[in-house]
Amino acid sequence: MVSYDILDFSVISPLGEGKPSHIDALKTARIATQYSVGRDEVELLRDLWEPIKHHVAGIPSHRVGVVVSNSKYQFRSQSFSYETSQVLASWVGPEAIPYNITAACATGLVSVMTGMDWLRRGWVDVVIAGSLETSKVPLVEAAFSQMGVLSKQGSCRPFTQDRDGFVIGEGGGLFVLTRSNEGHAPLARIEKGTVMADPTDLLSVDPSGASIASLIRQTIGTARVDYINAHGTGTRLNDAAELAAFEKVFHKDRPLISSTKSQTGHLLGATGSVELGLCLLMLSEQIFVPMIEWPDSRQRLMLGMEAFQEAPTKINRLLTLNYGFGGHLAALMIAKP
């Protein structure tokens, strides 16, 4: 069976640019104060590419896959979603293979798993996978506002009693993927990835949590996970369905569960990539991030969520989850190499 390694990554989010700023944000539980990254998609792509481009130096470009995605039209650069992967592929070399995944808010994780599949098939030797978006523009915000999912408080408060939606953020993450056991020193090993579909509704998941519970079970099997980065959007329906799923799956040895959207906002198609980057830092730096405690007196966790807040003594394996409109469900389990 083929397994996969993450050699390196780059990340830009409302918390900052690069690994050091995000390590600091995790250690201090810092919440973003500015959710736009102040650049268009091509500029963002270039800034993400620069720190990791040396990993493909000397590799024939036809052996490099580029699965770097957007989930929607990119308004700042006035480009279609598939153009991002084409631009990056042109920087890699004339024969690099570009591909774009559109899976709503699961786009980032599904892009990584598509890269894993290319490696399994032997089409390429290295994959640059991930996603990025700059969606904090009037048309996108108006659309989500009409759906009633944006926070009137101006903050994303996952799994709290007074949650009322999310704040749109911007950013992205790129990951260098290879097959395992090829003489590299990876940051983490990808143990399992799962993609599923929930047919319940175009805009929401099964409120009983059954579909999410099935996703988690299929991904972790009998493995013990020490931490779960929940999708945790701070919307009334999503968080209730997720908590119901956690209670179905975990009885004893409950993992720590939190949502990094409380710090970054919801990056839509880029959220899976940024959250995977944050999970890699938690794994490598052994940072435990429970739910963010908001400074006002109304902040209370949902009944039942308290059981998932005791930090483990060590993180050896973790799970990150994302769901999107259209029934997209995705989960990725990673571990220390």
Protein backbone atom coordinates (compact mmCIF):
# COMPACT_ATOMS: atom_id res chain seq x y z
CA MET A 1 0.00 0.00 0.00
CA VAL A 2 1.30 3.44 -0.94
CA SER A 3 1.59 6.01 1.87
CA TYR A 4 2.25 9.71 1.55
CA ASP A 5 4.43 12.31 3.21
CA ILE A 6 4.11 16.07 3.59
CA LEU A 7 7.63 17.39 3.07
CA ASP A 8 6.93 21.09 3.57
CA PHE A 9 4.22 23.70 3.35
CA SER A 10 3.55 27.42 3.23
CA VAL A 11 0.59 29.28 4.70
CA ILE A 12 -0.88 32.78 4.63
CA SER A 13 -4.01 33.65 6.58
CA PRO A 14 -5.57 36.46 8.60
CA LEU A 15 -3.14 35.42 11.36
CA GLY A 16 -0.09 36.34 9.27
CA GLU A 17 2.35 35.02 6.72
CA GLY A 18 4.64 32.02 7.17
CA LYS A 19 5.13 29.45 9.91
CA PRO A 20 6.56 31.67 12.72
CA SER A 21 3.59 34.04 12.79
CA HIS A 22 1.15 31.13 12.87
CA ILE A 23 3.07 29.33 15.63
CA ASP A 24 2.86 32.52 17.68
CA ALA A 25 -0.88 32.83 16.97
CA LEU A 26 -1.50 29.26 18.12
CA LYS A 27 0.59 29.60 21.27
CA THR A 28 -1.08 32.86 22.29
CA ALA A 29 -4.60 31.96 21.02
CA ARG A 30 -4.48 35.17 19.03
CA ILE A 31 -7.60 36.10 17.07
CA ALA A 32 -7.32 37.86 13.71
CA THR A 33 -8.26 41.52 13.63
CA GLN A 34 -8.02 41.92 9.85
CA TYR A 35 -9.52 39.19 7.69
CA SER A 36 -8.35 40.34 4.25
CA VAL A 37 -4.81 39.56 3.08
CA GLY A 38 -4.73 42.70 0.92
CA ARG A 39 -3.62 41.15 -2.37
CA ASP A 40 -5.08 39.44 -5.40
CA GLU A 41 -4.93 35.71 -6.10
CA VAL A 42 -1.81 35.77 -8.28
CA GLU A 43 0.11 37.83 -5.71
CA LEU A 44 -1.05 35.47 -2.96
CA LEU A 45 -0.03 32.46 -5.04
CA ARG A 46 3.44 33.91 -5.65
CA ASP A 47 3.94 34.60 -1.94
CA LEU A 48 2.89 31.04 -1.07
CA TRP A 49 5.09 29.50 -3.77
CA GLU A 50 8.31 31.30 -2.94
CA PRO A 51 9.18 29.47 0.34
CA ILE A 52 8.65 25.95 -1.10
CA LYS A 53 9.68 26.17 -4.75
CA HIS A 54 13.14 24.72 -4.07
CA HIS A 55 11.55 21.31 -3.50
CA VAL A 56 10.91 20.85 -7.24
CA ALA A 57 14.28 22.20 -8.42
CA GLY A 58 15.94 19.62 -10.65
CA ILE A 59 12.80 17.47 -11.02
CA PRO A 60 11.57 17.15 -14.64
CA SER A 61 8.43 19.28 -14.84
CA HIS A 62 6.38 16.44 -16.34
CA ARG A 63 6.90 14.56 -13.04
CA VAL A 64 5.41 17.40 -10.96
CA GLY A 65 1.67 17.63 -10.34
CA VAL A 66 -0.03 20.91 -9.43
CA VAL A 67 -3.40 20.49 -7.72
CA VAL A 68 -3.91 24.02 -6.43
CA SER A 69 -7.52 25.09 -6.39
CA ASN A 70 -10.10 27.81 -5.93
CA SER A 71 -13.76 27.04 -5.27
CA LYS A 72 -15.15 30.00 -7.17
CA TYR A 73 -14.46 32.83 -9.60
CA GLN A 74 -11.67 35.05 -8.31
CA PHE A 75 -12.94 38.61 -8.36
CA ARG A 76 -9.77 40.50 -7.51
CA SER A 77 -7.74 39.10 -10.39
CA GLN A 78 -10.86 38.57 -12.53
CA SER A 79 -9.89 34.99 -13.25
CA PHE A 80 -11.65 31.66 -13.35
CA SER A 81 -10.93 29.11 -10.62
CA TYR A 82 -8.85 26.82 -12.86
CA GLU A 83 -6.39 29.57 -13.80
CA THR A 84 -4.55 29.42 -10.44
CA SER A 85 -3.22 25.92 -11.06
CA GLN A 86 -2.29 26.86 -14.62
CA VAL A 87 -0.27 29.86 -13.43
CA LEU A 88 1.63 27.81 -10.84
CA ALA A 89 2.26 25.01 -13.32
CA SER A 90 3.82 27.55 -15.70
CA TRP A 91 6.22 28.57 -12.91
CA VAL A 92 7.15 24.94 -12.26
CA GLY A 93 7.95 24.18 -15.90
CA PRO A 94 6.46 23.72 -19.38
CA GLU A 95 5.22 20.17 -18.77
CA ALA A 96 3.93 20.42 -15.19
CA ILE A 97 0.39 19.06 -14.89
CA PRO A 98 -2.23 21.54 -13.55
CA TYR A 99 -5.60 20.62 -12.06
CA ASN A 100 -8.32 22.48 -10.14
CA ILE A 101 -10.78 20.95 -7.69
CA THR A 102 -14.08 22.64 -6.88
CA ALA A 103 -15.56 21.12 -3.74
CA ALA A 104 -16.89 24.20 -1.93
CA CYS A 105 -15.41 24.48 1.57
CA ALA A 106 -13.83 21.01 1.28
CA THR A 107 -11.74 22.14 -1.72
CA GLY A 108 -8.42 22.27 0.13
CA LEU A 109 -8.55 18.76 1.58
CA VAL A 110 -9.94 17.24 -1.63
CA SER A 111 -7.07 18.86 -3.56
CA VAL A 112 -4.56 17.20 -1.23
CA MET A 113 -6.27 13.84 -1.62
CA THR A 114 -6.30 14.22 -5.40
CA GLY A 115 -2.55 14.78 -5.23
CA MET A 116 -2.24 11.59 -3.17
CA ASP A 117 -4.11 9.70 -5.88
CA TRP A 118 -1.74 11.00 -8.58
CA LEU A 119 1.22 9.76 -6.54
CA ARG A 120 -0.46 6.37 -6.03
CA ARG A 121 -1.00 6.00 -9.76
CA GLY A 122 2.65 6.87 -10.45
CA TRP A 123 1.76 9.79 -12.72
CA VAL A 124 4.13 12.13 -10.86
CA ASP A 125 6.84 12.05 -8.21
CA VAL A 126 5.99 15.28 -6.39
CA VAL A 127 2.71 17.13 -6.02
CA ILE A 128 2.13 20.74 -5.01
CA ALA A 129 -1.38 20.66 -3.57
CA GLY A 130 -3.62 23.07 -1.71
CA SER A 131 -5.96 25.97 -2.24
CA LEU A 132 -6.23 29.72 -1.87
CA GLU A 133 -8.97 32.34 -2.04
CA THR A 134 -9.52 36.06 -1.63
CA SER A 135 -13.28 36.09 -1.17
CA LYS A 136 -13.75 39.10 1.08
CA VAL A 137 -15.44 41.05 -1.71
CA PRO A 138 -18.92 42.64 -1.72
CA LEU A 139 -20.65 40.12 -4.01
CA VAL A 140 -19.49 37.05 -2.04
CA GLU A 141 -20.26 38.66 1.32
CA ALA A 142 -23.71 39.70 0.10
CA ALA A 143 -24.46 36.15 -1.05
CA PHE A 144 -23.52 34.60 2.30
CA SER A 145 -25.34 37.38 4.15
CA GLN A 146 -28.53 36.53 2.27
CA MET A 147 -28.13 32.92 3.41
CA GLY A 148 -28.03 34.13 7.01
CA VAL A 149 -24.69 32.51 7.85
CA LEU A 150 -22.54 35.59 8.51
CA SER A 151 -22.00 36.66 12.11
CA LYS A 152 -23.72 39.87 13.17
CA GLN A 153 -21.26 40.00 16.09
CA GLY A 154 -18.39 40.16 13.61
CA SER A 155 -16.67 37.11 15.10
CA CYS A 156 -16.68 33.36 14.55
CA ARG A 157 -17.54 31.55 17.79
CA PRO A 158 -17.66 27.81 17.05
CA PHE A 159 -19.50 25.54 19.47
CA THR A 160 -20.62 28.36 21.77
CA GLN A 161 -24.16 29.02 22.95
CA ASP A 162 -24.20 32.49 21.37
CA ARG A 163 -22.71 31.55 17.98
CA ASP A 164 -24.43 33.31 15.10
CA GLY A 165 -22.34 32.55 12.00
CA PHE A 166 -18.89 33.15 10.59
CA VAL A 167 -16.67 35.90 9.27
CA ILE A 168 -15.15 35.43 5.80
CA GLY A 169 -11.36 35.33 5.80
CA GLU A 170 -8.72 35.11 3.08
CA GLY A 171 -5.51 33.19 2.52
CA GLY A 172 -4.23 29.83 1.40
CA GLY A 173 -1.87 26.95 1.92
CA LEU A 174 0.40 24.89 -0.36
CA PHE A 175 1.82 21.46 0.50
CA VAL A 176 4.68 19.46 -0.98
CA LEU A 177 3.58 15.81 -1.20
CA THR A 178 5.61 12.70 -2.04
CA ARG A 179 5.33 8.97 -1.63
CA SER A 180 6.70 7.74 1.70
CA ASN A 181 10.02 5.93 2.11
CA GLU A 182 11.83 7.86 -0.61
CA GLY A 183 14.69 9.09 1.53
CA HIS A 184 13.02 12.30 2.70
CA ALA A 185 12.60 13.78 6.16
CA PRO A 186 8.88 14.61 6.19
CA LEU A 187 6.99 16.92 8.50
CA ALA A 188 4.11 14.45 8.75
CA ARG A 189 2.72 11.28 7.26
CA ILE A 190 -0.76 11.17 5.75
CA GLU A 191 -2.35 8.01 7.08
CA LYS A 192 -5.82 8.23 5.54
CA GLY A 193 -8.02 10.57 3.57
CA THR A 194 -11.75 10.17 2.97
CA VAL A 195 -14.19 11.98 0.69
CA MET A 196 -17.93 11.43 1.01
CA ALA A 197 -21.19 13.02 -0.06
CA ASP A 198 -24.12 13.95 2.16
CA PRO A 199 -27.37 14.07 0.11
CA THR A 200 -29.42 15.67 2.91
CA ASP A 201 -29.60 19.19 1.50
CA LEU A 202 -27.74 21.52 -0.86
CA LEU A 203 -26.75 23.87 1.97
CA SER A 204 -26.63 21.75 5.13
CA VAL A 205 -25.53 18.37 6.47
CA ASP A 206 -27.63 15.70 8.14
CA PRO A 207 -28.65 17.35 11.45
CA SER A 208 -28.40 14.02 13.28
CA GLY A 209 -24.65 13.97 12.62
CA ALA A 210 -24.86 10.52 11.02
CA SER A 211 -23.04 11.44 7.80
CA ILE A 212 -20.20 13.18 9.67
CA ALA A 213 -19.95 10.27 12.10
CA SER A 214 -19.61 7.89 9.13
CA LEU A 215 -16.89 10.10 7.65
CA ILE A 216 -14.92 10.05 10.92
CA ARG A 217 -15.28 6.29 11.39
CA GLN A 218 -14.18 5.51 7.84
CA THR A 219 -11.12 7.72 8.26
CA ILE A 220 -9.82 6.76 11.69
CA GLY A 221 -10.86 3.11 11.80
CA THR A 222 -9.37 1.70 15.01
CA ALA A 223 -6.68 4.41 15.29
CA ARG A 224 -6.56 6.70 18.31
CA VAL A 225 -6.57 10.39 17.44
CA ASP A 226 -5.34 12.91 20.00
CA TYR A 227 -6.83 16.03 18.42
CA ILE A 228 -9.57 16.91 15.92
CA ASN A 229 -9.75 20.18 14.07
CA ALA A 230 -13.50 20.43 13.53
CA HIS A 231 -15.06 22.25 10.61
CA GLY A 232 -16.71 24.40 13.31
CA THR A 233 -18.14 27.31 11.33
CA GLY A 234 -19.99 28.92 14.21
CA THR A 235 -23.35 28.49 12.46
CA ARG A 236 -26.28 27.12 14.41
CA LEU A 237 -26.85 24.01 12.27
CA ASN A 238 -23.28 22.96 11.40
CA ASP A 239 -21.96 23.01 14.95
CA ALA A 240 -24.96 21.12 16.33
CA ALA A 241 -24.59 18.39 13.68
CA GLU A 242 -20.84 18.10 14.31
CA LEU A 243 -21.26 17.81 18.07
CA ALA A 244 -23.89 15.11 17.54
CA ALA A 245 -21.41 13.23 15.34
CA PHE A 246 -18.62 13.47 17.92
CA GLU A 247 -20.90 12.10 20.60
CA LYS A 248 -21.85 9.18 18.34
CA VAL A 249 -18.23 8.23 17.58
CA PHE A 250 -16.35 8.92 20.81
CA HIS A 251 -17.32 7.44 24.13
CA LYS A 252 -14.09 6.73 26.01
CA ASP A 253 -10.69 8.32 25.34
CA ARG A 254 -12.25 11.42 23.86
CA PRO A 255 -9.86 13.60 21.82
CA LEU A 256 -9.40 17.32 22.22
CA ILE A 257 -11.67 19.06 19.70
CA SER A 258 -11.58 22.69 18.62
CA SER A 259 -12.02 24.83 15.52
CA THR A 260 -9.30 27.18 14.30
CA LYS A 261 -11.96 29.26 12.51
CA SER A 262 -12.37 31.06 15.82
CA GLN A 263 -8.95 32.58 15.06
CA THR A 264 -8.94 32.87 11.26
CA GLY A 265 -12.56 33.21 10.23
CA HIS A 266 -13.89 30.96 7.46
CA LEU A 267 -11.69 30.95 4.36
CA LEU A 268 -14.25 29.04 2.27
CA GLY A 269 -12.38 27.08 -0.44
CA ALA A 270 -9.05 27.84 1.24
CA THR A 271 -10.13 26.88 4.73
CA GLY A 272 -9.06 23.24 4.48
CA SER A 273 -5.55 24.18 3.36
CA VAL A 274 -4.97 26.80 6.03
CA GLU A 275 -6.37 24.51 8.73
CA LEU A 276 -4.18 21.62 7.57
CA GLY A 277 -1.19 23.97 7.86
CA LEU A 278 -2.19 24.90 11.40
CA CYS A 279 -2.62 21.20 12.24
CA LEU A 280 0.91 20.48 10.98
CA LEU A 281 2.22 23.17 13.33
CA MET A 282 0.24 21.71 16.23
CA LEU A 283 1.79 18.32 15.46
CA SER A 284 5.37 19.54 15.05
CA GLU A 285 5.34 22.09 17.88
CA GLN A 286 3.04 20.13 20.22
CA ILE A 287 0.68 23.07 20.65
CA PHE A 288 -2.72 22.32 22.18
CA VAL A 289 -5.43 24.80 21.23
CA PRO A 290 -8.75 24.37 23.06
CA MET A 291 -11.76 26.48 22.13
CA ILE A 292 -11.00 30.21 22.18
CA GLU A 293 -12.48 31.89 25.25
CA TRP A 294 -14.22 35.08 24.24
CA PRO A 295 -13.92 38.01 26.65
CA ASP A 296 -17.64 38.67 27.15
CA SER A 297 -19.72 36.93 29.78
CA ARG A 298 -22.10 35.31 27.27
CA GLN A 299 -19.48 32.87 25.99
CA ARG A 300 -20.48 29.37 27.02
CA LEU A 301 -19.72 26.13 25.23
CA MET A 302 -22.57 24.06 23.86
CA LEU A 303 -23.79 21.48 26.33
CA GLY A 304 -21.70 18.36 25.73
CA MET A 305 -18.74 20.14 24.14
CA GLU A 306 -17.00 20.49 27.51
CA ALA A 307 -16.15 16.78 27.41
CA PHE A 308 -13.86 17.39 24.43
CA GLN A 309 -11.81 20.19 25.96
CA GLU A 310 -9.27 18.38 28.15
CA ALA A 311 -5.91 18.61 26.38
CA PRO A 312 -3.99 15.39 25.69
CA THR A 313 -0.48 14.97 27.05
CA LYS A 314 0.87 14.61 23.53
CA ILE A 315 -0.34 14.87 19.94
CA ASN A 316 0.88 11.96 17.82
CA ARG A 317 -2.04 11.76 15.42
CA LEU A 318 -4.79 14.20 14.47
CA LEU A 319 -7.79 14.54 12.21
CA THR A 320 -8.96 17.60 10.28
CA LEU A 321 -12.51 17.89 8.91
CA ASN A 322 -14.19 20.04 6.27
CA TYR A 323 -17.68 20.11 4.73
CA GLY A 324 -19.09 22.21 1.92
CA PHE A 325 -22.29 23.17 0.15
CA GLY A 326 -23.46 20.49 -2.24
CA GLY A 327 -22.84 17.74 0.31
CA HIS A 328 -19.03 17.65 0.11
CA LEU A 329 -17.46 15.95 3.15
CA ALA A 330 -13.70 15.46 3.59
CA ALA A 331 -11.39 14.22 6.34
CA LEU A 332 -7.61 13.80 6.53
CA MET A 333 -5.70 11.95 9.26
CA ILE A 334 -2.03 12.81 9.71
CA ALA A 335 0.60 11.60 12.16
CA LYS A 336 4.14 12.23 13.26
CA PRO A 337 6.49 10.40 10.87
